[in-house]
């Protein structure tokens, strides 16, 4: 059964998280730290973000997949 989580570029994920109030805090190597003041998400700045990694990021951010995908 195919995963409902898409494979996205890091910049797409960052842009959508910023629309939810997240902002860049710091970067160490290839990992960017975003925060909204209470929650912290770590975004790997690789070519693509794998499905499982995206699921973990959304769990850290407390954002549902449906809400995340509908945010433009």
N, C-alpha and C. Protein backbone atom coordinates (compact mmCIF):
# COMPACT_ATOMS: atom_id res chain seq x y z
N UNK A 1 0.84 -1.18 0.00
CA UNK A 1 0.00 0.00 0.00
C UNK A 1 0.89 1.24 0.00
N UNK A 2 0.69 2.16 -0.93
CA UNK A 2 1.54 3.34 -1.00
C UNK A 2 1.30 4.29 0.18
N UNK A 3 2.35 4.98 0.54
CA UNK A 3 2.27 5.94 1.64
C UNK A 3 1.51 7.18 1.20
N UNK A 4 0.74 7.77 2.13
CA UNK A 4 0.03 9.00 1.81
C UNK A 4 0.93 10.23 1.96
N UNK A 5 2.11 10.02 2.53
CA UNK A 5 3.05 11.13 2.69
C UNK A 5 3.86 11.30 1.41
N UNK A 6 3.93 12.52 0.87
CA UNK A 6 4.70 12.74 -0.36
C UNK A 6 6.19 12.94 -0.07
N UNK A 7 7.00 12.80 -1.09
CA UNK A 7 8.42 13.13 -1.01
C UNK A 7 8.53 14.58 -1.47
N UNK A 8 9.04 15.46 -0.61
CA UNK A 8 9.11 16.89 -0.91
C UNK A 8 10.55 17.40 -0.79
N UNK A 9 10.80 18.54 -1.40
CA UNK A 9 12.08 19.23 -1.25
C UNK A 9 12.07 19.97 0.09
N UNK A 10 13.22 20.13 0.73
CA UNK A 10 13.27 20.83 2.01
C UNK A 10 12.68 22.24 1.95
N UNK A 11 12.93 22.98 0.86
CA UNK A 11 12.41 24.34 0.77
C UNK A 11 10.90 24.39 0.75
N UNK A 12 10.25 23.37 0.18
CA UNK A 12 8.79 23.30 0.18
C UNK A 12 8.27 23.10 1.60
N UNK A 13 8.92 22.21 2.35
CA UNK A 13 8.51 21.94 3.73
C UNK A 13 8.71 23.18 4.59
N UNK A 14 9.85 23.86 4.42
CA UNK A 14 10.15 25.06 5.20
C UNK A 14 9.12 26.15 4.91
N UNK A 15 8.81 26.37 3.64
CA UNK A 15 7.84 27.39 3.25
C UNK A 15 6.47 27.13 3.89
N UNK A 16 6.05 25.87 3.87
CA UNK A 16 4.74 25.54 4.45
C UNK A 16 4.76 25.66 5.97
N UNK A 17 5.86 25.25 6.61
CA UNK A 17 5.94 25.39 8.06
C UNK A 17 5.97 26.87 8.47
N UNK A 18 6.63 27.70 7.66
CA UNK A 18 6.65 29.14 7.96
C UNK A 18 5.24 29.72 7.90
N UNK A 19 4.39 29.19 7.04
CA UNK A 19 3.01 29.68 6.96
C UNK A 19 2.22 29.29 8.22
N UNK A 20 2.72 28.32 8.99
CA UNK A 20 2.10 27.94 10.25
C UNK A 20 2.74 28.66 11.43
N UNK A 21 3.61 29.63 11.16
CA UNK A 21 4.21 30.42 12.23
C UNK A 21 5.59 29.97 12.67
N UNK A 22 6.19 29.02 11.98
CA UNK A 22 7.54 28.58 12.33
C UNK A 22 8.56 29.54 11.70
N UNK A 23 9.69 29.68 12.36
CA UNK A 23 10.75 30.55 11.87
C UNK A 23 12.09 29.87 12.09
N UNK A 24 13.08 30.29 11.30
CA UNK A 24 14.42 29.68 11.37
C UNK A 24 15.11 30.13 12.65
N UNK A 25 15.66 29.16 13.37
CA UNK A 25 16.36 29.44 14.62
C UNK A 25 17.87 29.32 14.41
N UNK A 26 18.30 28.18 13.84
CA UNK A 26 19.72 27.95 13.63
C UNK A 26 19.91 26.83 12.63
N UNK A 27 21.15 26.67 12.20
CA UNK A 27 21.49 25.57 11.31
C UNK A 27 22.84 25.04 11.72
N UNK A 28 22.93 23.71 11.79
CA UNK A 28 24.20 23.08 12.10
C UNK A 28 24.41 22.00 11.05
N UNK A 29 25.39 22.21 10.21
CA UNK A 29 25.63 21.27 9.12
C UNK A 29 24.47 21.30 8.15
N UNK A 30 23.91 20.14 7.86
CA UNK A 30 22.82 20.07 6.89
C UNK A 30 21.44 19.98 7.56
N UNK A 31 21.36 20.38 8.83
CA UNK A 31 20.09 20.32 9.54
C UNK A 31 19.68 21.71 10.02
N UNK A 32 18.48 22.11 9.62
CA UNK A 32 17.93 23.43 9.96
C UNK A 32 16.94 23.27 11.09
N UNK A 33 17.03 24.14 12.08
CA UNK A 33 16.12 24.11 13.21
C UNK A 33 15.08 25.21 13.04
N UNK A 34 13.79 24.83 13.08
CA UNK A 34 12.68 25.77 13.02
C UNK A 34 11.93 25.71 14.33
N UNK A 35 11.33 26.83 14.73
CA UNK A 35 10.54 26.88 15.96
C UNK A 35 9.35 27.80 15.76
N UNK A 36 8.31 27.57 16.54
CA UNK A 36 7.19 28.51 16.57
C UNK A 36 7.08 29.14 17.94
N UNK A 37 8.10 29.02 18.75
CA UNK A 37 8.11 29.56 20.10
C UNK A 37 7.91 28.48 21.15
N UNK A 38 7.14 27.43 20.82
CA UNK A 38 6.92 26.34 21.77
C UNK A 38 7.39 25.00 21.23
N UNK A 39 7.29 24.80 19.93
CA UNK A 39 7.69 23.53 19.31
C UNK A 39 8.91 23.75 18.42
N UNK A 40 9.72 22.70 18.31
CA UNK A 40 10.93 22.76 17.49
C UNK A 40 10.89 21.62 16.47
N UNK A 41 11.24 21.92 15.23
CA UNK A 41 11.32 20.92 14.16
C UNK A 41 12.71 20.98 13.55
N UNK A 42 13.26 19.83 13.26
CA UNK A 42 14.56 19.74 12.60
C UNK A 42 14.32 19.30 11.16
N UNK A 43 14.80 20.08 10.20
CA UNK A 43 14.61 19.80 8.79
C UNK A 43 15.96 19.44 8.17
N UNK A 44 16.10 18.22 7.62
CA UNK A 44 17.34 17.87 6.93
C UNK A 44 17.39 18.57 5.57
N UNK A 45 18.46 19.26 5.29
CA UNK A 45 18.60 20.01 4.03
C UNK A 45 19.28 19.13 2.98
N UNK A 46 18.65 18.00 2.68
CA UNK A 46 19.16 17.08 1.67
C UNK A 46 18.38 17.31 0.38
N UNK A 47 18.61 16.51 -0.64
CA UNK A 47 17.91 16.68 -1.92
C UNK A 47 16.40 16.55 -1.75
N UNK A 48 15.97 15.56 -1.00
CA UNK A 48 14.56 15.30 -0.76
C UNK A 48 14.36 14.90 0.69
N UNK A 49 13.15 15.13 1.18
CA UNK A 49 12.79 14.68 2.52
C UNK A 49 11.96 13.42 2.36
N UNK A 50 12.42 12.33 2.92
CA UNK A 50 11.74 11.04 2.79
C UNK A 50 10.38 11.06 3.47
N UNK A 51 9.52 10.13 3.09
CA UNK A 51 8.16 10.08 3.62
C UNK A 51 8.14 9.95 5.14
N UNK A 52 8.94 9.04 5.66
CA UNK A 52 8.98 8.82 7.11
C UNK A 52 9.52 10.03 7.86
N UNK A 53 10.47 10.71 7.25
CA UNK A 53 11.03 11.92 7.86
C UNK A 53 9.99 13.02 7.89
N UNK A 54 9.22 13.17 6.81
CA UNK A 54 8.14 14.16 6.78
C UNK A 54 7.11 13.86 7.86
N UNK A 55 6.78 12.60 8.03
CA UNK A 55 5.82 12.21 9.07
C UNK A 55 6.34 12.63 10.45
N UNK A 56 7.63 12.40 10.70
CA UNK A 56 8.24 12.77 11.97
C UNK A 56 8.24 14.29 12.17
N UNK A 57 8.53 15.03 11.11
CA UNK A 57 8.54 16.50 11.18
C UNK A 57 7.15 17.01 11.54
N UNK A 58 6.13 16.46 10.90
CA UNK A 58 4.76 16.90 11.17
C UNK A 58 4.32 16.53 12.59
N UNK A 59 4.80 15.41 13.09
CA UNK A 59 4.50 15.04 14.48
C UNK A 59 5.18 16.02 15.44
N UNK A 60 6.42 16.41 15.13
CA UNK A 60 7.12 17.40 15.97
C UNK A 60 6.37 18.72 15.96
N UNK A 61 5.83 19.10 14.79
CA UNK A 61 5.15 20.38 14.64
C UNK A 61 3.70 20.33 15.12
N UNK A 62 3.18 19.12 15.36
CA UNK A 62 1.79 18.92 15.75
C UNK A 62 0.83 19.45 14.68
N UNK A 63 1.11 19.10 13.42
CA UNK A 63 0.30 19.50 12.27
C UNK A 63 -0.12 18.24 11.54
N UNK A 64 -1.40 18.13 11.21
CA UNK A 64 -1.88 16.96 10.47
C UNK A 64 -1.42 17.04 9.02
N UNK A 65 -1.31 15.89 8.37
CA UNK A 65 -0.88 15.84 6.98
C UNK A 65 -1.86 16.59 6.09
N UNK A 66 -3.15 16.43 6.33
CA UNK A 66 -4.16 17.09 5.51
C UNK A 66 -4.02 18.62 5.62
N UNK A 67 -3.88 19.10 6.83
CA UNK A 67 -3.72 20.54 7.04
C UNK A 67 -2.44 21.06 6.38
N UNK A 68 -1.37 20.28 6.50
CA UNK A 68 -0.08 20.65 5.93
C UNK A 68 -0.15 20.71 4.40
N UNK A 69 -0.77 19.72 3.77
CA UNK A 69 -0.84 19.67 2.31
C UNK A 69 -1.79 20.70 1.74
N UNK A 70 -2.80 21.12 2.49
CA UNK A 70 -3.75 22.11 1.99
C UNK A 70 -3.27 23.54 2.20
N UNK A 71 -2.18 23.71 2.94
CA UNK A 71 -1.63 25.07 3.17
C UNK A 71 -0.81 25.47 1.96
N UNK A 72 -1.18 26.56 1.35
CA UNK A 72 -0.44 27.06 0.17
C UNK A 72 0.11 28.43 0.44
